[in-house]
């Protein structure tokens, strides 16, 4: 019985990881055909693609009212993304950084973590707060794709906040929808949609694999949590978070080995932003998410602390050095030791 459940658990994880791999490849191909830069691909499509396991497993957990897995998955994945993934990447090869990673995307990532902490102070993520998260994420994506010329390279956190509260993303969204609706639309912001059939088909099939994998992965995670008598939040923060962070680990280590540090780091920062705004947002729209004490007093503050640490490392000579990578890995290992002792 245990062997059978373990096999299904591993098969679900394989579907999640491989489905995400094909999703990333097809999404990147589509973005390249649209003329989008590699750094923006890393921040958006690749980040979103590698966050799909977290999204699928969190929605599956939310439908089963397993709120501990939802919160633990997101917070644990964000900590693993920085401590394990960025840390190991820097150990393999020092990661070059850019000022935009700090002043725009890094601050947005930290803003997401702090806003999440503020929202859980009342021990629940409400449906309204979840909708607000999704709205911020949509605005962030449009800001990255639409506003580079308008702000002439000054795509910083301050400009994003102004963009968000002025609701400028509404006109950006309307323009994109007009391009999609009218296949003959012309203009500098409307791109040709030819040659996407195969990529879109792979995108759809990979999403199907991810959804199926998430269902079984979460079901068996809950099974083992109950079998071992371990709280769902601990399982979500460790086992589920590590499993769903595997795509980020594979993609980022591959990018680091090939010298594409900006894609590697952009992927992680974008994934952490998507994990909070998009995944918590969608999960909380299904049911309000109750928050356990361990998330409020330990795991979320740890996520904020390691996020601040990453931003400091980014700004030191605009490179994440090997010793800084070792420090991040050590932080993650210490976090796991303390967490498991608390459990």
Protein backbone atom coordinates (compact mmCIF):
# COMPACT_ATOMS: atom_id res chain seq x y z
CA UNK A 1 0.00 0.00 0.00
CA UNK A 2 2.76 2.45 0.95
CA UNK A 3 4.87 1.39 -2.05
CA UNK A 4 1.92 1.96 -4.38
CA UNK A 5 1.25 5.44 -2.97
CA UNK A 6 4.94 6.30 -3.17
CA UNK A 7 5.02 5.24 -6.83
CA UNK A 8 1.98 7.41 -7.64
CA UNK A 9 3.58 10.30 -5.72
CA UNK A 10 6.77 10.02 -7.79
CA UNK A 11 4.86 9.67 -11.08
CA UNK A 12 2.91 12.83 -10.22
CA UNK A 13 6.16 14.64 -9.55
CA UNK A 14 7.63 13.46 -12.88
CA UNK A 15 4.57 14.72 -14.77
CA UNK A 16 4.90 18.06 -12.98
CA UNK A 17 8.59 18.46 -13.77
CA UNK A 18 8.56 17.19 -17.36
CA UNK A 19 5.35 19.05 -18.16
CA UNK A 20 6.93 22.25 -16.86
CA UNK A 21 10.05 21.60 -18.94
CA UNK A 22 8.08 21.42 -22.18
CA UNK A 23 5.96 24.38 -21.12
CA UNK A 24 9.07 26.51 -20.61
CA UNK A 25 10.52 25.53 -23.99
CA UNK A 26 7.33 26.27 -25.94
CA UNK A 27 6.66 29.50 -24.02
CA UNK A 28 10.22 30.71 -24.67
CA UNK A 29 9.88 29.89 -28.38
CA UNK A 30 6.65 31.89 -28.59
CA UNK A 31 8.25 34.83 -26.77
CA UNK A 32 11.27 34.78 -29.09
CA UNK A 33 8.96 34.85 -32.13
CA UNK A 34 7.29 37.90 -30.59
CA UNK A 35 10.67 39.62 -30.26
CA UNK A 36 10.79 39.70 -26.46
CA UNK A 37 14.18 40.04 -24.73
CA UNK A 38 15.76 37.10 -22.87
CA UNK A 39 15.66 38.91 -19.53
CA UNK A 40 11.93 39.63 -19.87
CA UNK A 41 11.39 36.00 -20.94
CA UNK A 42 13.14 34.92 -17.75
CA UNK A 43 11.06 37.26 -15.59
CA UNK A 44 7.72 36.36 -17.12
CA UNK A 45 7.20 33.30 -19.33
CA UNK A 46 10.01 31.12 -18.00
CA UNK A 47 9.23 32.19 -14.43
CA UNK A 48 5.54 31.54 -14.95
CA UNK A 49 6.26 28.21 -16.59
CA UNK A 50 8.48 26.99 -13.76
CA UNK A 51 5.86 28.23 -11.25
CA UNK A 52 3.08 26.15 -12.82
CA UNK A 53 3.79 23.12 -10.56
CA UNK A 54 3.28 25.38 -7.52
CA UNK A 55 0.13 26.83 -9.11
CA UNK A 56 -1.36 23.45 -10.02
CA UNK A 57 -0.51 21.79 -6.71
CA UNK A 58 -1.72 24.80 -4.68
CA UNK A 59 -5.05 24.95 -6.52
CA UNK A 60 -5.45 21.17 -6.07
CA UNK A 61 -4.67 21.57 -2.36
CA UNK A 62 -7.07 24.51 -2.04
CA UNK A 63 -9.89 22.46 -3.57
CA UNK A 64 -9.23 19.86 -0.88
CA UNK A 65 -9.11 22.56 1.85
CA UNK A 66 -5.46 21.67 2.56
CA UNK A 67 -4.51 25.28 3.35
CA UNK A 68 -1.30 24.27 5.11
CA UNK A 69 0.04 22.82 1.87
CA UNK A 70 -0.96 25.96 -0.09
CA UNK A 71 0.88 28.38 2.21
CA UNK A 72 3.76 26.01 2.91
CA UNK A 73 4.23 25.29 -0.80
CA UNK A 74 4.50 28.96 -1.78
CA UNK A 75 6.62 30.16 1.14
CA UNK A 76 8.81 27.05 1.09
CA UNK A 77 9.30 27.30 -2.68
CA UNK A 78 10.33 30.96 -2.45
CA UNK A 79 12.90 30.17 0.23
CA UNK A 80 14.17 27.14 -1.75
CA UNK A 81 14.37 29.21 -4.94
CA UNK A 82 16.75 31.67 -3.32
CA UNK A 83 18.61 29.50 -0.82
CA UNK A 84 18.96 26.32 -2.85
CA UNK A 85 18.59 27.30 -6.51
CA UNK A 86 20.37 30.69 -6.59
CA UNK A 87 22.85 29.45 -3.99
CA UNK A 88 23.86 26.37 -5.99
CA UNK A 89 23.98 28.38 -9.23
CA UNK A 90 26.40 30.86 -7.67
CA UNK A 91 28.53 28.02 -6.30
CA UNK A 92 28.80 26.56 -9.82
CA UNK A 93 29.55 29.91 -11.42
CA UNK A 94 29.34 33.48 -10.05
CA UNK A 95 26.08 35.04 -11.30
CA UNK A 96 26.32 38.45 -12.97
CA UNK A 97 23.55 40.82 -11.92
CA UNK A 98 22.08 44.05 -13.26
CA UNK A 99 20.71 47.16 -11.62
CA UNK A 100 17.17 46.40 -12.89
CA UNK A 101 17.23 43.16 -10.91
CA UNK A 102 17.44 45.24 -7.75
CA UNK A 103 15.63 48.51 -8.37
CA UNK A 104 12.65 47.03 -10.20
CA UNK A 105 12.16 43.28 -9.94
CA UNK A 106 14.02 42.74 -6.68
CA UNK A 107 11.97 45.40 -4.94
CA UNK A 108 8.76 44.00 -6.42
CA UNK A 109 9.72 40.57 -5.04
CA UNK A 110 10.38 42.05 -1.59
CA UNK A 111 7.16 44.08 -1.81
CA UNK A 112 5.23 40.87 -2.55
CA UNK A 113 6.77 39.10 0.47
CA UNK A 114 6.06 42.01 2.84
CA UNK A 115 2.51 42.51 1.52
CA UNK A 116 1.88 38.79 2.00
CA UNK A 117 3.04 39.08 5.62
CA UNK A 118 0.74 42.08 6.20
CA UNK A 119 -2.23 40.18 4.73
CA UNK A 120 -1.68 37.12 6.97
CA UNK A 121 -1.53 39.11 10.21
CA UNK A 122 -5.24 38.39 10.73
CA UNK A 123 -4.48 34.66 10.14
CA UNK A 124 -6.33 34.48 6.81
CA UNK A 125 -5.94 35.40 3.13
CA UNK A 126 -9.39 36.61 2.07
CA UNK A 127 -10.96 36.40 -1.39
CA UNK A 128 -10.61 40.20 -1.77
CA UNK A 129 -6.90 40.10 -0.88
CA UNK A 130 -6.43 37.23 -3.33
CA UNK A 131 -8.06 39.24 -6.12
CA UNK A 132 -5.77 42.16 -5.28
CA UNK A 133 -2.74 39.88 -5.63
CA UNK A 134 -3.85 38.76 -9.10
CA UNK A 135 -4.47 42.35 -10.18
CA UNK A 136 -0.95 43.36 -9.13
CA UNK A 137 0.55 40.44 -11.05
CA UNK A 138 -1.36 41.30 -14.24
CA UNK A 139 -0.23 44.92 -13.95
CA UNK A 140 3.38 43.81 -13.39
CA UNK A 141 3.41 41.67 -16.56
CA UNK A 142 1.93 44.45 -18.70
CA UNK A 143 4.38 46.93 -17.16
CA UNK A 144 7.34 44.76 -18.23
CA UNK A 145 6.10 44.22 -21.77
CA UNK A 146 4.55 47.59 -22.56
CA UNK A 147 6.35 50.40 -20.80
CA UNK A 148 10.06 50.09 -21.68
CA UNK A 149 10.01 52.93 -24.22
CA UNK A 150 7.71 55.17 -22.20
CA UNK A 151 10.02 55.21 -19.18
CA UNK A 152 13.22 55.17 -21.32
CA UNK A 153 14.93 52.46 -19.31
CA UNK A 154 13.82 53.72 -15.88
CA UNK A 155 11.65 50.68 -15.17
CA UNK A 156 12.06 50.92 -11.42
CA UNK A 157 9.79 50.03 -8.51
CA UNK A 158 8.55 53.60 -8.13
CA UNK A 159 7.42 53.70 -11.78
CA UNK A 160 5.63 50.37 -11.36
CA UNK A 161 3.67 51.62 -8.34
CA UNK A 162 2.65 54.74 -10.28
CA UNK A 163 1.70 52.58 -13.27
CA UNK A 164 -0.41 50.31 -11.04
CA UNK A 165 -2.37 52.99 -9.19
CA UNK A 166 -3.00 54.96 -12.40
CA UNK A 167 -4.60 51.80 -13.88
CA UNK A 168 -2.53 52.23 -17.04
CA UNK A 169 -2.47 48.44 -17.56
CA UNK A 170 -6.16 48.58 -18.51
CA UNK A 171 -5.39 50.41 -21.75
CA UNK A 172 -2.43 48.06 -22.37
CA UNK A 173 -4.72 45.05 -21.93
CA UNK A 174 -7.36 46.55 -24.24
CA UNK A 175 -4.77 47.08 -26.95
CA UNK A 176 -3.53 43.49 -26.68
CA UNK A 177 -7.05 42.09 -26.83
CA UNK A 178 -7.72 44.15 -29.96
CA UNK A 179 -4.60 42.64 -31.57
CA UNK A 180 -5.77 39.13 -30.71
CA UNK A 181 -9.35 39.74 -31.88
CA UNK A 182 -8.32 41.24 -35.21
CA UNK A 183 -5.80 38.99 -36.93
CA UNK A 184 -5.18 41.74 -39.49
CA UNK A 185 -4.40 44.34 -36.87
CA UNK A 186 -1.40 46.47 -37.71
CA UNK A 187 0.81 48.63 -35.61
CA UNK A 188 4.02 48.59 -33.66
CA UNK A 189 2.40 46.84 -30.69
CA UNK A 190 0.68 44.10 -32.72
CA UNK A 191 2.84 41.15 -33.65
CA UNK A 192 2.27 38.45 -36.24
CA UNK A 193 0.73 35.28 -34.85
CA UNK A 194 1.86 32.95 -37.61
CA UNK A 195 3.80 29.76 -36.93
CA UNK A 196 2.58 29.29 -33.36
CA UNK A 197 0.37 26.21 -33.90
CA UNK A 198 2.95 23.61 -32.83
CA UNK A 199 4.16 25.69 -29.89
CA UNK A 200 0.63 26.29 -28.63
CA UNK A 201 -0.18 22.57 -28.97
CA UNK A 202 2.88 21.66 -26.87
CA UNK A 203 1.85 24.36 -24.38
CA UNK A 204 -1.64 22.85 -24.00
CA UNK A 205 -0.40 19.24 -23.72
CA UNK A 206 2.26 20.16 -21.17
CA UNK A 207 -0.35 22.01 -19.10
CA UNK A 208 -2.46 18.84 -19.14
CA UNK A 209 0.48 16.79 -17.85
CA UNK A 210 1.09 19.37 -15.13
CA UNK A 211 -2.55 19.37 -13.97
CA UNK A 212 -2.71 15.56 -13.79
CA UNK A 213 0.66 15.40 -12.05
CA UNK A 214 -0.38 18.04 -9.52
CA UNK A 215 -3.53 16.16 -8.59
CA UNK A 216 -1.72 12.95 -7.71
CA UNK A 217 1.30 14.71 -6.22
CA UNK A 218 -0.86 16.66 -3.74
CA UNK A 219 -3.14 13.70 -2.96
CA UNK A 220 -0.19 11.53 -2.00
CA UNK A 221 1.51 14.39 -0.12
CA UNK A 222 -1.60 14.61 2.08
CA UNK A 223 -1.60 10.81 2.44
CA UNK A 224 1.99 10.74 3.71
CA UNK A 225 1.38 13.74 6.01
CA UNK A 226 -1.48 11.88 7.65
CA UNK A 227 0.46 8.59 7.72
CA UNK A 228 3.48 10.15 9.42
CA UNK A 229 1.46 12.47 11.64
CA UNK A 230 3.28 15.51 10.26
CA UNK A 231 1.39 18.85 9.98
CA UNK A 232 0.36 19.82 6.43
CA UNK A 233 2.31 23.07 6.67
CA UNK A 234 5.56 21.18 7.32
CA UNK A 235 4.88 18.81 4.41
CA UNK A 236 4.03 21.77 2.17
CA UNK A 237 7.11 23.76 3.17
CA UNK A 238 9.53 20.85 2.71
CA UNK A 239 8.42 17.94 0.51
CA UNK A 240 5.90 19.71 -1.74
CA UNK A 241 7.94 22.94 -1.95
CA UNK A 242 11.12 21.09 -2.90
CA UNK A 243 9.31 18.96 -5.47
CA UNK A 244 7.63 21.90 -7.16
CA UNK A 245 10.90 23.89 -7.09
CA UNK A 246 12.67 21.25 -9.19
CA UNK A 247 11.81 23.01 -12.50
CA UNK A 248 13.39 26.24 -11.21
CA UNK A 249 16.42 24.25 -10.05
CA UNK A 250 16.87 22.50 -13.41
CA UNK A 251 16.28 25.62 -15.54
CA UNK A 252 18.43 27.89 -13.40
CA UNK A 253 21.38 25.50 -13.06
CA UNK A 254 21.30 24.91 -16.81
CA UNK A 255 21.27 28.67 -17.48
CA UNK A 256 24.09 29.26 -14.98
CA UNK A 257 26.28 26.58 -16.59
CA UNK A 258 25.79 28.22 -19.99
CA UNK A 259 26.61 31.67 -18.61
CA UNK A 260 23.08 33.10 -18.88
CA UNK A 261 23.06 34.56 -15.38
CA UNK A 262 20.39 37.15 -16.16
CA UNK A 263 17.92 34.49 -17.32
CA UNK A 264 18.77 32.34 -14.30
CA UNK A 265 18.23 35.11 -11.75
CA UNK A 266 15.32 36.61 -13.67
CA UNK A 267 13.64 33.21 -13.55
CA UNK A 268 13.96 32.99 -9.76
CA UNK A 269 12.86 36.56 -9.03
CA UNK A 270 9.94 36.24 -11.45
CA UNK A 271 8.96 32.87 -9.96
CA UNK A 272 8.93 34.27 -6.42
CA UNK A 273 6.74 37.18 -7.55
CA UNK A 274 4.38 34.79 -9.37
CA UNK A 275 4.26 32.39 -6.42
CA UNK A 276 2.79 35.03 -4.12
CA UNK A 277 0.72 37.21 -6.42
CA UNK A 278 -0.54 34.57 -8.84
CA UNK A 279 -0.58 31.30 -6.88
CA UNK A 280 -1.83 32.62 -3.56
CA UNK A 281 -4.19 34.81 -5.56
CA UNK A 282 -5.82 31.97 -7.49
CA UNK A 283 -5.84 29.60 -4.50
CA UNK A 284 -7.46 32.23 -2.30
CA UNK A 285 -10.15 32.93 -4.89
CA UNK A 286 -11.34 29.33 -4.52
CA UNK A 287 -11.57 29.46 -0.72
CA UNK A 288 -10.19 31.94 1.86
CA UNK A 289 -6.87 30.52 3.10
CA UNK A 290 -6.46 30.14 6.88
CA UNK A 291 -2.90 30.73 8.06
CA UNK A 292 -1.22 28.67 10.78
CA UNK A 293 0.97 30.09 13.52
CA UNK A 294 4.20 28.61 12.12
CA UNK A 295 3.67 30.48 8.82
CA UNK A 296 3.09 33.78 10.58
CA UNK A 297 5.93 33.65 13.10
CA UNK A 298 8.63 31.60 11.35
CA UNK A 299 8.42 30.66 7.66
CA UNK A 300 7.16 34.00 6.29
CA UNK A 301 9.72 36.10 8.25
CA UNK A 302 12.39 33.65 6.97
CA UNK A 303 11.18 34.27 3.41
CA UNK A 304 11.46 38.05 3.90
CA UNK A 305 14.92 37.72 5.46
CA UNK A 306 16.36 35.60 2.66
CA UNK A 307 14.78 37.95 0.07
CA UNK A 308 16.55 40.92 1.66
CA UNK A 309 19.79 38.90 1.75
CA UNK A 310 19.50 38.17 -1.97
CA UNK A 311 19.01 41.86 -2.79
CA UNK A 312 22.11 42.74 -0.75
CA UNK A 313 24.14 40.09 -2.59
CA UNK A 314 22.85 41.34 -5.97
CA UNK A 315 24.14 44.84 -5.23
CA UNK A 316 27.65 43.78 -4.10
CA UNK A 317 29.80 44.44 -7.17
CA UNK A 318 26.73 43.45 -9.26
CA UNK A 319 27.60 39.79 -8.91
CA UNK A 320 26.54 36.92 -6.65
CA UNK A 321 29.88 35.41 -5.65
CA UNK A 322 30.60 31.80 -4.74
CA UNK A 323 30.87 32.51 -1.01
CA UNK A 324 27.51 34.29 -1.17
CA UNK A 325 26.07 31.22 -2.88
CA UNK A 326 27.43 29.05 -0.07
CA UNK A 327 25.86 31.42 2.48
CA UNK A 328 22.45 31.11 0.76
CA UNK A 329 22.66 27.29 0.74
CA UNK A 330 23.65 27.34 4.43
CA UNK A 331 20.65 29.58 5.20
CA UNK A 332 18.32 27.10 3.48
CA UNK A 333 19.85 24.11 5.29
CA UNK A 334 19.51 25.90 8.65
CA UNK A 335 15.92 26.82 7.85
CA UNK A 336 15.04 23.17 7.15
CA UNK A 337 16.73 21.94 10.34
CA UNK A 338 14.83 24.43 12.52
CA UNK A 339 11.55 23.76 10.69
CA UNK A 340 11.77 19.99 11.10
CA UNK A 341 12.61 20.37 14.78
CA UNK A 342 9.56 22.59 15.24
CA UNK A 343 7.42 19.94 13.52
